[in-house]
PDB file of N, CA and C in Angstrom:
ATOM      1  N   MET A   1     -29.817  52.231   2.912  1.00  0.00           N
ATOM      2  CA  MET A   1     -30.200  53.601   3.182  1.00  0.00           C
ATOM      3  C   MET A   1     -31.720  53.715   3.065  1.00  0.00           C
ATOM      4  N   SER A   2     -32.341  54.397   4.017  1.00  0.00           N
ATOM      5  CA  SER A   2     -33.804  54.543   3.993  1.00  0.00           C
ATOM      6  C   SER A   2     -34.235  55.494   2.872  1.00  0.00           C
ATOM      7  N   VAL A   3     -35.508  55.376   2.519  1.00  0.00           N
ATOM      8  CA  VAL A   3     -36.080  56.205   1.459  1.00  0.00           C
ATOM      9  C   VAL A   3     -37.340  56.870   2.007  1.00  0.00           C
ATOM     10  N   MET A   4     -37.312  58.205   2.102  1.00  0.00           N
ATOM     11  CA  MET A   4     -38.474  58.956   2.569  1.00  0.00           C
ATOM     12  C   MET A   4     -39.408  59.206   1.397  1.00  0.00           C
ATOM     13  N   VAL A   5     -40.712  58.971   1.645  1.00  0.00           N
ATOM     14  CA  VAL A   5     -41.707  59.173   0.591  1.00  0.00           C
ATOM     15  C   VAL A   5     -42.847  60.050   1.094  1.00  0.00           C
ATOM     16  N   PHE A   6     -43.464  60.740   0.153  1.00  0.00           N
ATOM     17  CA  PHE A   6     -44.695  61.477   0.381  1.00  0.00           C
ATOM     18  C   PHE A   6     -45.793  60.698  -0.330  1.00  0.00           C
ATOM     19  N   ALA A   7     -46.667  60.079   0.428  1.00  0.00           N
ATOM     20  CA  ALA A   7     -47.786  59.336  -0.158  1.00  0.00           C
ATOM     21  C   ALA A   7     -49.034  60.194  -0.015  1.00  0.00           C
ATOM     22  N   CYS A   8     -49.762  60.367  -1.095  1.00  0.00           N
ATOM     23  CA  CYS A   8     -50.953  61.228  -1.090  1.00  0.00           C
ATOM     24  C   CYS A   8     -52.178  60.399  -1.440  1.00  0.00           C
ATOM     25  N   TYR A   9     -53.152  60.426  -0.535  1.00  0.00           N
ATOM     26  CA  TYR A   9     -54.359  59.625  -0.667  1.00  0.00           C
ATOM     27  C   TYR A   9     -55.564  60.560  -0.756  1.00  0.00           C
ATOM     28  N   ARG A  10     -56.234  60.570  -1.883  1.00  0.00           N
ATOM     29  CA  ARG A  10     -57.437  61.391  -2.039  1.00  0.00           C
ATOM     30  C   ARG A  10     -58.645  60.484  -1.778  1.00  0.00           C
ATOM     31  N   PRO A  11     -59.386  60.729  -0.676  1.00  0.00           N
ATOM     32  CA  PRO A  11     -60.518  59.845  -0.352  1.00  0.00           C
ATOM     33  C   PRO A  11     -61.581  59.874  -1.441  1.00  0.00           C
ATOM     34  N   LYS A  12     -62.146  58.710  -1.702  1.00  0.00           N
ATOM     35  CA  LYS A  12     -63.291  58.636  -2.600  1.00  0.00           C
ATOM     36  C   LYS A  12     -64.494  59.220  -1.862  1.00  0.00           C
ATOM     37  N   PRO A  13     -65.509  59.680  -2.580  1.00  0.00           N
ATOM     38  CA  PRO A  13     -66.663  60.309  -1.919  1.00  0.00           C
ATOM     39  C   PRO A  13     -67.241  59.429  -0.800  1.00  0.00           C
ATOM     40  N   GLY A  14     -67.387  60.041   0.373  1.00  0.00           N
ATOM     41  CA  GLY A  14     -67.961  59.353   1.522  1.00  0.00           C
ATOM     42  C   GLY A  14     -67.033  58.365   2.204  1.00  0.00           C
ATOM     43  N   LYS A  15     -65.746  58.327   1.829  1.00  0.00           N
ATOM     44  CA  LYS A  15     -64.809  57.327   2.369  1.00  0.00           C
ATOM     45  C   LYS A  15     -63.744  57.928   3.289  1.00  0.00           C
ATOM     46  N   ASP A  16     -63.934  59.186   3.730  1.00  0.00           N
ATOM     47  CA  ASP A  16     -62.931  59.831   4.582  1.00  0.00           C
ATOM     48  C   ASP A  16     -62.626  59.017   5.832  1.00  0.00           C
ATOM     49  N   GLU A  17     -63.658  58.636   6.566  1.00  0.00           N
ATOM     50  CA  GLU A  17     -63.459  57.914   7.824  1.00  0.00           C
ATOM     51  C   GLU A  17     -62.870  56.528   7.580  1.00  0.00           C
ATOM     52  N   ALA A  18     -63.297  55.865   6.517  1.00  0.00           N
ATOM     53  CA  ALA A  18     -62.749  54.548   6.193  1.00  0.00           C
ATOM     54  C   ALA A  18     -61.257  54.653   5.878  1.00  0.00           C
ATOM     55  N   LEU A  19     -60.867  55.710   5.174  1.00  0.00           N
ATOM     56  CA  LEU A  19     -59.452  55.912   4.870  1.00  0.00           C
ATOM     57  C   LEU A  19     -58.660  56.131   6.148  1.00  0.00           C
ATOM     58  N   LEU A  20     -59.148  56.990   7.031  1.00  0.00           N
ATOM     59  CA  LEU A  20     -58.419  57.249   8.273  1.00  0.00           C
ATOM     60  C   LEU A  20     -58.296  55.981   9.116  1.00  0.00           C
ATOM     61  N   ALA A  21     -59.331  55.174   9.161  1.00  0.00           N
ATOM     62  CA  ALA A  21     -59.270  53.908   9.915  1.00  0.00           C
ATOM     63  C   ALA A  21     -58.223  52.976   9.303  1.00  0.00           C
ATOM     64  N   LEU A  22     -58.193  52.893   7.995  1.00  0.00           N
ATOM     65  CA  LEU A  22     -57.224  52.037   7.315  1.00  0.00           C
ATOM     66  C   LEU A  22     -55.803  52.540   7.538  1.00  0.00           C
ATOM     67  N   MET A  23     -55.634  53.847   7.578  1.00  0.00           N
ATOM     68  CA  MET A  23     -54.297  54.403   7.764  1.00  0.00           C
ATOM     69  C   MET A  23     -53.695  54.018   9.104  1.00  0.00           C
ATOM     70  N   LYS A  24     -54.515  53.742  10.093  1.00  0.00           N
ATOM     71  CA  LYS A  24     -54.006  53.301  11.397  1.00  0.00           C
ATOM     72  C   LYS A  24     -53.304  51.952  11.299  1.00  0.00           C
ATOM     73  N   THR A  25     -53.592  51.198  10.249  1.00  0.00           N
ATOM     74  CA  THR A  25     -52.960  49.881  10.064  1.00  0.00           C
ATOM     75  C   THR A  25     -51.776  49.924   9.098  1.00  0.00           C
ATOM     76  N   HIS A  26     -51.556  51.055   8.455  1.00  0.00           N
ATOM     77  CA  HIS A  26     -50.553  51.145   7.399  1.00  0.00           C
ATOM     78  C   HIS A  26     -49.148  50.795   7.879  1.00  0.00           C
ATOM     79  N   LEU A  27     -48.598  51.633   8.761  1.00  0.00           N
ATOM     80  CA  LEU A  27     -47.232  51.363   9.218  1.00  0.00           C
ATOM     81  C   LEU A  27     -47.130  50.080  10.025  1.00  0.00           C
ATOM     82  N   PRO A  28     -48.111  49.753  10.881  1.00  0.00           N
ATOM     83  CA  PRO A  28     -48.004  48.455  11.567  1.00  0.00           C
ATOM     84  C   PRO A  28     -47.907  47.275  10.595  1.00  0.00           C
ATOM     85  N   THR A  29     -48.642  47.325   9.499  1.00  0.00           N
ATOM     86  CA  THR A  29     -48.560  46.249   8.498  1.00  0.00           C
ATOM     87  C   THR A  29     -47.180  46.226   7.857  1.00  0.00           C
ATOM     88  N   LEU A  30     -46.682  47.394   7.462  1.00  0.00           N
ATOM     89  CA  LEU A  30     -45.356  47.453   6.843  1.00  0.00           C
ATOM     90  C   LEU A  30     -44.268  47.026   7.826  1.00  0.00           C
ATOM     91  N   ARG A  31     -44.406  47.397   9.109  1.00  0.00           N
ATOM     92  CA  ARG A  31     -43.435  46.983  10.134  1.00  0.00           C
ATOM     93  C   ARG A  31     -43.446  45.470  10.309  1.00  0.00           C
ATOM     94  N   ALA A  32     -44.631  44.878  10.354  1.00  0.00           N
ATOM     95  CA  ALA A  32     -44.758  43.432  10.535  1.00  0.00           C
ATOM     96  C   ALA A  32     -44.073  42.666   9.408  1.00  0.00           C
ATOM     97  N   GLN A  33     -43.974  43.292   8.240  1.00  0.00           N
ATOM     98  CA  GLN A  33     -43.326  42.672   7.084  1.00  0.00           C
ATOM     99  C   GLN A  33     -41.848  43.043   6.995  1.00  0.00           C
ATOM    100  N   GLY A  34     -41.345  43.845   7.955  1.00  0.00           N
ATOM    101  CA  GLY A  34     -39.939  44.229   7.980  1.00  0.00           C
ATOM    102  C   GLY A  34     -39.547  45.250   6.933  1.00  0.00           C
ATOM    103  N   LEU A  35     -40.519  46.053   6.468  1.00  0.00           N
ATOM    104  CA  LEU A  35     -40.257  46.978   5.364  1.00  0.00           C
ATOM    105  C   LEU A  35     -39.992  48.414   5.798  1.00  0.00           C
ATOM    106  N   VAL A  36     -40.414  48.769   7.003  1.00  0.00           N
ATOM    107  CA  VAL A  36     -40.166  50.106   7.559  1.00  0.00           C
ATOM    108  C   VAL A  36     -39.635  49.940   8.969  1.00  0.00           C
ATOM    109  N   GLY A  37     -39.002  50.999   9.478  1.00  0.00           N
ATOM    110  CA  GLY A  37     -38.480  50.971  10.835  1.00  0.00           C
ATOM    111  C   GLY A  37     -39.544  51.375  11.841  1.00  0.00           C
ATOM    112  N   ASP A  38     -39.104  51.809  13.000  1.00  0.00           N
ATOM    113  CA  ASP A  38     -40.007  52.150  14.094  1.00  0.00           C
ATOM    114  C   ASP A  38     -40.443  53.611  14.112  1.00  0.00           C
ATOM    115  N   ASP A  39     -39.903  54.410  13.211  1.00  0.00           N
ATOM    116  CA  ASP A  39     -40.269  55.828  13.207  1.00  0.00           C
ATOM    117  C   ASP A  39     -41.737  56.009  12.825  1.00  0.00           C
ATOM    118  N   PRO A  40     -42.405  56.988  13.460  1.00  0.00           N
ATOM    119  CA  PRO A  40     -43.799  57.266  13.078  1.00  0.00           C
ATOM    120  C   PRO A  40     -43.849  58.012  11.748  1.00  0.00           C
ATOM    121  N   SER A  41     -45.010  58.053  11.167  1.00  0.00           N
ATOM    122  CA  SER A  41     -45.189  58.872   9.972  1.00  0.00           C
ATOM    123  C   SER A  41     -45.728  60.232  10.402  1.00  0.00           C
ATOM    124  N   LEU A  42     -45.645  61.177   9.509  1.00  0.00           N
ATOM    125  CA  LEU A  42     -46.282  62.481   9.677  1.00  0.00           C
ATOM    126  C   LEU A  42     -47.430  62.537   8.691  1.00  0.00           C
ATOM    127  N   CYS A  43     -48.594  62.967   9.158  1.00  0.00           N
ATOM    128  CA  CYS A  43     -49.760  63.023   8.283  1.00  0.00           C
ATOM    129  C   CYS A  43     -50.424  64.382   8.374  1.00  0.00           C
ATOM    130  N   GLY A  44     -50.912  64.847   7.239  1.00  0.00           N
ATOM    131  CA  GLY A  44     -51.645  66.103   7.195  1.00  0.00           C
ATOM    132  C   GLY A  44     -52.756  66.025   6.170  1.00  0.00           C
ATOM    133  N   ARG A  45     -53.730  66.912   6.338  1.00  0.00           N
ATOM    134  CA  ARG A  45     -54.863  66.977   5.412  1.00  0.00           C
ATOM    135  C   ARG A  45     -54.785  68.278   4.623  1.00  0.00           C
ATOM    136  N   ALA A  46     -54.851  68.148   3.300  1.00  0.00           N
ATOM    137  CA  ALA A  46     -54.896  69.318   2.424  1.00  0.00           C
ATOM    138  C   ALA A  46     -56.307  69.898   2.446  1.00  0.00           C
ATOM    139  N   LYS A  47     -56.443  71.109   1.950  1.00  0.00           N
ATOM    140  CA  LYS A  47     -57.761  71.762   1.927  1.00  0.00           C
ATOM    141  C   LYS A  47     -58.773  70.994   1.093  1.00  0.00           C
ATOM    142  N   ASP A  48     -58.303  70.230   0.090  1.00  0.00           N
ATOM    143  CA  ASP A  48     -59.232  69.457  -0.738  1.00  0.00           C
ATOM    144  C   ASP A  48     -59.564  68.087  -0.140  1.00  0.00           C
ATOM    145  N   GLY A  49     -59.048  67.809   1.071  1.00  0.00           N
ATOM    146  CA  GLY A  49     -59.335  66.549   1.755  1.00  0.00           C
ATOM    147  C   GLY A  49     -58.289  65.470   1.561  1.00  0.00           C
ATOM    148  N   THR A  50     -57.343  65.692   0.661  1.00  0.00           N
ATOM    149  CA  THR A  50     -56.277  64.713   0.445  1.00  0.00           C
ATOM    150  C   THR A  50     -55.445  64.570   1.714  1.00  0.00           C
ATOM    151  N   ILE A  51     -55.114  63.319   2.051  1.00  0.00           N
ATOM    152  CA  ILE A  51     -54.241  63.043   3.188  1.00  0.00           C
ATOM    153  C   ILE A  51     -52.839  62.806   2.646  1.00  0.00           C
ATOM    154  N   ILE A  52     -51.872  63.508   3.231  1.00  0.00           N
ATOM    155  CA  ILE A  52     -50.474  63.349   2.856  1.00  0.00           C
ATOM    156  C   ILE A  52     -49.788  62.636   4.003  1.00  0.00           C
ATOM    157  N   GLU A  53     -49.095  61.549   3.694  1.00  0.00           N
ATOM    158  CA  GLU A  53     -48.348  60.802   4.708  1.00  0.00           C
ATOM    159  C   GLU A  53     -46.884  60.788   4.304  1.00  0.00           C
ATOM    160  N   VAL A  54     -46.019  61.162   5.224  1.00  0.00           N
ATOM    161  CA  VAL A  54     -44.579  61.140   5.000  1.00  0.00           C
ATOM    162  C   VAL A  54     -44.001  60.051   5.901  1.00  0.00           C
ATOM    163  N   PHE A  55     -43.328  59.093   5.297  1.00  0.00           N
ATOM    164  CA  PHE A  55     -42.725  58.011   6.075  1.00  0.00           C
ATOM    165  C   PHE A  55     -41.496  57.494   5.346  1.00  0.00           C
ATOM    166  N   CYS A  56     -40.731  56.638   6.039  1.00  0.00           N
ATOM    167  CA  CYS A  56     -39.504  56.093   5.453  1.00  0.00           C
ATOM    168  C   CYS A  56     -39.576  54.583   5.330  1.00  0.00           C
ATOM    169  N   TRP A  57     -39.317  54.109   4.126  1.00  0.00           N
ATOM    170  CA  TRP A  57     -39.081  52.687   3.893  1.00  0.00           C
ATOM    171  C   TRP A  57     -37.660  52.392   4.370  1.00  0.00           C
ATOM    172  N   LYS A  58     -37.372  51.149   4.706  1.00  0.00           N
ATOM    173  CA  LYS A  58     -36.010  50.795   5.123  1.00  0.00           C
ATOM    174  C   LYS A  58     -34.999  50.991   3.999  1.00  0.00           C
ATOM    175  N   SER A  59     -35.441  50.740   2.765  1.00  0.00           N
ATOM    176  CA  SER A  59     -34.520  50.818   1.623  1.00  0.00           C
ATOM    177  C   SER A  59     -35.323  50.724   0.330  1.00  0.00           C
ATOM    178  N   GLN A  60     -34.641  50.936  -0.782  1.00  0.00           N
ATOM    179  CA  GLN A  60     -35.288  50.715  -2.073  1.00  0.00           C
ATOM    180  C   GLN A  60     -35.656  49.238  -2.227  1.00  0.00           C
ATOM    181  N   ALA A  61     -34.827  48.350  -1.687  1.00  0.00           N
ATOM    182  CA  ALA A  61     -35.132  46.913  -1.746  1.00  0.00           C
ATOM    183  C   ALA A  61     -36.431  46.612  -0.993  1.00  0.00           C
ATOM    184  N   ALA A  62     -36.692  47.312   0.108  1.00  0.00           N
ATOM    185  CA  ALA A  62     -37.937  47.118   0.855  1.00  0.00           C
ATOM    186  C   ALA A  62     -39.133  47.562   0.019  1.00  0.00           C
ATOM    187  N   ILE A  63     -38.986  48.671  -0.688  1.00  0.00           N
ATOM    188  CA  ILE A  63     -40.061  49.141  -1.577  1.00  0.00           C
ATOM    189  C   ILE A  63     -40.327  48.087  -2.651  1.00  0.00           C
ATOM    190  N   ASP A  64     -39.260  47.582  -3.246  1.00  0.00           N
ATOM    191  CA  ASP A  64     -39.403  46.564  -4.282  1.00  0.00           C
ATOM    192  C   ASP A  64     -40.072  45.311  -3.723  1.00  0.00           C
ATOM    193  N   ALA A  65     -39.682  44.905  -2.515  1.00  0.00           N
ATOM    194  CA  ALA A  65     -40.251  43.709  -1.890  1.00  0.00           C
ATOM    195  C   ALA A  65     -41.739  43.887  -1.600  1.00  0.00           C
ATOM    196  N   ALA A  66     -42.154  45.103  -1.275  1.00  0.00           N
ATOM    197  CA  ALA A  66     -43.565  45.361  -0.979  1.00  0.00           C
ATOM    198  C   ALA A  66     -44.452  45.010  -2.160  1.00  0.00           C
ATOM    199  N   HIS A  67     -43.950  45.199  -3.352  1.00  0.00           N
ATOM    200  CA  HIS A  67     -44.746  44.943  -4.552  1.00  0.00           C
ATOM    201  C   HIS A  67     -44.979  43.457  -4.810  1.00  0.00           C
ATOM    202  N   ALA A  68     -44.275  42.591  -4.084  1.00  0.00           N
ATOM    203  CA  ALA A  68     -44.479  41.147  -4.210  1.00  0.00           C
ATOM    204  C   ALA A  68     -44.975  40.535  -2.902  1.00  0.00           C
ATOM    205  N   ASN A  69     -45.262  41.352  -1.903  1.00  0.00           N
ATOM    206  CA  ASN A  69     -45.650  40.871  -0.581  1.00  0.00           C
ATOM    207  C   ASN A  69     -47.170  40.736  -0.492  1.00  0.00           C
ATOM    208  N   PRO A  70     -47.695  39.539  -0.225  1.00  0.00           N
ATOM    209  CA  PRO A  70     -49.149  39.340  -0.188  1.00  0.00           C
ATOM    210  C   PRO A  70     -49.872  40.209   0.852  1.00  0.00           C
ATOM    211  N   ALA A  71     -49.281  40.403   2.028  1.00  0.00           N
ATOM    212  CA  ALA A  71     -49.934  41.220   3.063  1.00  0.00           C
ATOM    213  C   ALA A  71     -50.016  42.677   2.622  1.00  0.00           C
ATOM    214  N   VAL A  72     -48.959  43.171   2.009  1.00  0.00           N
ATOM    215  CA  VAL A  72     -48.946  44.556   1.541  1.00  0.00           C
ATOM    216  C   VAL A  72     -49.907  44.707   0.363  1.00  0.00           C
ATOM    217  N   GLN A  73     -49.897  43.745  -0.540  1.00  0.00           N
ATOM    218  CA  GLN A  73     -50.808  43.805  -1.681  1.00  0.00           C
ATOM    219  C   GLN A  73     -52.268  43.821  -1.221  1.00  0.00           C
ATOM    220  N   ALA A  74     -52.592  43.026  -0.206  1.00  0.00           N
ATOM    221  CA  ALA A  74     -53.962  43.004   0.324  1.00  0.00           C
ATOM    222  C   ALA A  74     -54.318  44.368   0.918  1.00  0.00           C
ATOM    223  N   MET A  75     -53.382  44.958   1.657  1.00  0.00           N
ATOM    224  CA  MET A  75     -53.627  46.276   2.253  1.00  0.00           C
ATOM    225  C   MET A  75     -53.817  47.318   1.151  1.00  0.00           C
ATOM    226  N   TRP A  76     -52.970  47.292   0.142  1.00  0.00           N
ATOM    227  CA  TRP A  76     -53.098  48.257  -0.948  1.00  0.00           C
ATOM    228  C   TRP A  76     -54.426  48.089  -1.678  1.00  0.00           C
ATOM    229  N   GLY A  77     -54.922  46.868  -1.748  1.00  0.00           N
ATOM    230  CA  GLY A  77     -56.245  46.636  -2.336  1.00  0.00           C
ATOM    231  C   GLY A  77     -57.339  47.316  -1.530  1.00  0.00           C
ATOM    232  N   GLN A  78     -57.213  47.286  -0.207  1.00  0.00           N
ATOM    233  CA  GLN A  78     -58.174  47.981   0.656  1.00  0.00           C
ATOM    234  C   GLN A  78     -58.088  49.488   0.440  1.00  0.00           C
ATOM    235  N   TYR A  79     -56.878  50.007   0.308  1.00  0.00           N
ATOM    236  CA  TYR A  79     -56.707  51.433   0.034  1.00  0.00           C
ATOM    237  C   TYR A  79     -57.399  51.816  -1.278  1.00  0.00           C
ATOM    238  N   ALA A  80     -57.266  50.976  -2.294  1.00  0.00           N
ATOM    239  CA  ALA A  80     -57.858  51.273  -3.601  1.00  0.00           C
ATOM    240  C   ALA A  80     -59.377  51.392  -3.523  1.00  0.00           C
ATOM    241  N   GLU A  81     -59.990  50.754  -2.531  1.00  0.00           N
ATOM    242  CA  GLU A  81     -61.438  50.831  -2.361  1.00  0.00           C
ATOM    243  C   GLU A  81     -61.888  52.164  -1.758  1.00  0.00           C
ATOM    244  N   VAL A  82     -60.993  52.830  -1.020  1.00  0.00           N
ATOM    245  CA  VAL A  82     -61.408  54.044  -0.302  1.00  0.00           C
ATOM    246  C   VAL A  82     -60.730  55.321  -0.777  1.00  0.00           C
ATOM    247  N   CYS A  83     -59.685  55.202  -1.618  1.00  0.00           N
ATOM    248  CA  CYS A  83     -58.986  56.419  -2.053  1.00  0.00           C
ATOM    249  C   CYS A  83     -58.313  56.201  -3.389  1.00  0.00           C
ATOM    250  N   ASP A  84     -57.888  57.314  -3.957  1.00  0.00           N
ATOM    251  CA  ASP A  84     -57.040  57.299  -5.136  1.00  0.00           C
ATOM    252  C   ASP A  84     -55.674  57.820  -4.717  1.00  0.00           C
ATOM    253  N   TYR A  85     -54.625  57.174  -5.185  1.00  0.00           N
ATOM    254  CA  TYR A  85     -53.272  57.671  -4.965  1.00  0.00           C
ATOM    255  C   TYR A  85     -53.029  58.784  -5.980  1.00  0.00           C
ATOM    256  N   ILE A  86     -52.487  59.890  -5.508  1.00  0.00           N
ATOM    257  CA  ILE A  86     -52.171  60.977  -6.429  1.00  0.00           C
ATOM    258  C   ILE A  86     -50.746  61.450  -6.172  1.00  0.00           C
ATOM    259  N   PRO A  87     -50.096  62.021  -7.164  1.00  0.00           N
ATOM    260  CA  PRO A  87     -48.759  62.568  -6.942  1.00  0.00           C
ATOM    261  C   PRO A  87     -48.852  63.862  -6.123  1.00  0.00           C
ATOM    262  N   ILE A  88     -47.826  64.132  -5.365  1.00  0.00           N
ATOM    263  CA  ILE A  88     -47.799  65.338  -4.524  1.00  0.00           C
ATOM    264  C   ILE A  88     -48.031  66.591  -5.360  1.00  0.00           C
ATOM    265  N   ALA A  89     -47.617  66.596  -6.613  1.00  0.00           N
ATOM    266  CA  ALA A  89     -47.791  67.771  -7.474  1.00  0.00           C
ATOM    267  C   ALA A  89     -49.258  68.116  -7.703  1.00  0.00           C
ATOM    268  N   GLU A  90     -50.167  67.153  -7.499  1.00  0.00           N
ATOM    269  CA  GLU A  90     -51.594  67.416  -7.683  1.00  0.00           C
ATOM    270  C   GLU A  90     -52.270  67.975  -6.428  1.00  0.00           C
ATOM    271  N   VAL A  91     -51.536  68.045  -5.340  1.00  0.00           N
ATOM    272  CA  VAL A  91     -52.077  68.643  -4.120  1.00  0.00           C
ATOM    273  C   VAL A  91     -51.871  70.151  -4.237  1.00  0.00           C
ATOM    274  N   PRO A  92     -52.948  70.947  -4.212  1.00  0.00           N
ATOM    275  CA  PRO A  92     -52.811  72.388  -4.455  1.00  0.00           C
ATOM    276  C   PRO A  92     -51.746  73.069  -3.585  1.00  0.00           C
ATOM    277  N   GLU A  93     -51.640  72.688  -2.318  1.00  0.00           N
ATOM    278  CA  GLU A  93     -50.665  73.326  -1.422  1.00  0.00           C
ATOM    279  C   GLU A  93     -49.218  73.059  -1.830  1.00  0.00           C
ATOM    280  N   ALA A  94     -48.987  72.042  -2.642  1.00  0.00           N
ATOM    281  CA  ALA A  94     -47.619  71.721  -3.058  1.00  0.00           C
ATOM    282  C   ALA A  94     -47.001  72.849  -3.878  1.00  0.00           C
ATOM    283  N   LYS A  95     -47.834  73.736  -4.408  1.00  0.00           N
ATOM    284  CA  LYS A  95     -47.324  74.872  -5.183  1.00  0.00           C
ATOM    285  C   LYS A  95     -46.840  76.017  -4.288  1.00  0.00           C
ATOM    286  N   ASP A  96     -47.207  75.970  -3.003  1.00  0.00           N
ATOM    287  CA  ASP A  96     -46.813  77.026  -2.060  1.00  0.00           C
ATOM    288  C   ASP A  96     -45.358  76.847  -1.635  1.00  0.00           C
ATOM    289  N   MET A  97     -44.686  77.944  -1.377  1.00  0.00           N
ATOM    290  CA  MET A  97     -43.301  77.893  -0.928  1.00  0.00           C
ATOM    291  C   MET A  97     -43.168  77.054   0.342  1.00  0.00           C
ATOM    292  N   PHE A  98     -44.075  77.257   1.281  1.00  0.00           N
ATOM    293  CA  PHE A  98     -44.093  76.501   2.529  1.00  0.00           C
ATOM    294  C   PHE A  98     -45.475  75.860   2.645  1.00  0.00           C
ATOM    295  N   ALA A  99     -45.631  74.699   2.025  1.00  0.00           N
ATOM    296  CA  ALA A  99     -46.919  74.027   1.984  1.00  0.00           C
ATOM    297  C   ALA A  99     -47.371  73.685   3.406  1.00  0.00           C
ATOM    298  N   GLY A 100     -48.580  74.107   3.751  1.00  0.00           N
ATOM    299  CA  GLY A 100     -49.124  73.853   5.073  1.00  0.00           C
ATOM    300  C   GLY A 100     -50.334  72.938   5.022  1.00  0.00           C
ATOM    301  N   PHE A 101     -50.416  72.041   6.010  1.00  0.00           N
ATOM    302  CA  PHE A 101     -51.500  71.076   6.080  1.00  0.00           C
ATOM    303  C   PHE A 101     -52.020  70.984   7.512  1.00  0.00           C
ATOM    304  N   ALA A 102     -53.279  70.611   7.665  1.00  0.00           N
ATOM    305  CA  ALA A 102     -53.837  70.384   8.995  1.00  0.00           C
ATOM    306  C   ALA A 102     -53.333  69.036   9.495  1.00  0.00           C
ATOM    307  N   PRO A 103     -52.720  68.982  10.688  1.00  0.00           N
ATOM    308  CA  PRO A 103     -52.215  67.711  11.196  1.00  0.00           C
ATOM    309  C   PRO A 103     -53.322  66.672  11.345  1.00  0.00           C
ATOM    310  N   VAL A 104     -52.966  65.425  11.074  1.00  0.00           N
ATOM    311  CA  VAL A 104     -53.883  64.292  11.227  1.00  0.00           C
ATOM    312  C   VAL A 104     -53.172  63.254  12.080  1.00  0.00           C
ATOM    313  N   ASP A 105     -53.813  62.818  13.156  1.00  0.00           N
ATOM    314  CA  ASP A 105     -53.234  61.813  14.044  1.00  0.00           C
ATOM    315  C   ASP A 105     -53.755  60.436  13.643  1.00  0.00           C
ATOM    316  N   ILE A 106     -52.855  59.564  13.185  1.00  0.00           N
ATOM    317  CA  ILE A 106     -53.272  58.220  12.805  1.00  0.00           C
ATOM    318  C   ILE A 106     -52.666  57.158  13.727  1.00  0.00           C
ATOM    319  N   GLU A 107     -52.017  57.579  14.784  1.00  0.00           N
ATOM    320  CA  GLU A 107     -51.435  56.596  15.701  1.00  0.00           C
ATOM    321  C   GLU A 107     -52.542  55.774  16.316  1.00  0.00           C
ATOM    322  N   ALA A 108     -52.399  54.466  16.259  1.00  0.00           N
ATOM    323  CA  ALA A 108     -53.430  53.540  16.759  1.00  0.00           C
ATOM    324  C   ALA A 108     -53.509  53.569  18.276  1.00  0.00           C
TER     325      ALA A 108
END
């Protein structure tokens, strides 16, 4: 069974464009490793600049496998250089009944 996640990336100062460029490689990298299906992700930008990405892993086993996968680990290392991962609860709009975000197109 697939697992839908909300991943929240808060860009480090001056790293907005670098984060968006890296995000174009996110799902293709995970697909190449067999960890996600062919569905696109949905991405939006919060008012504070945080990017929220909603996507589905193939399974909990795929999530677990990602933590031992060298290609995924390398990609996550690149993410760590340009953003901080934050929980959805720290995104101010998450407190709204119908949280709204500006759409972000990351399709390569």
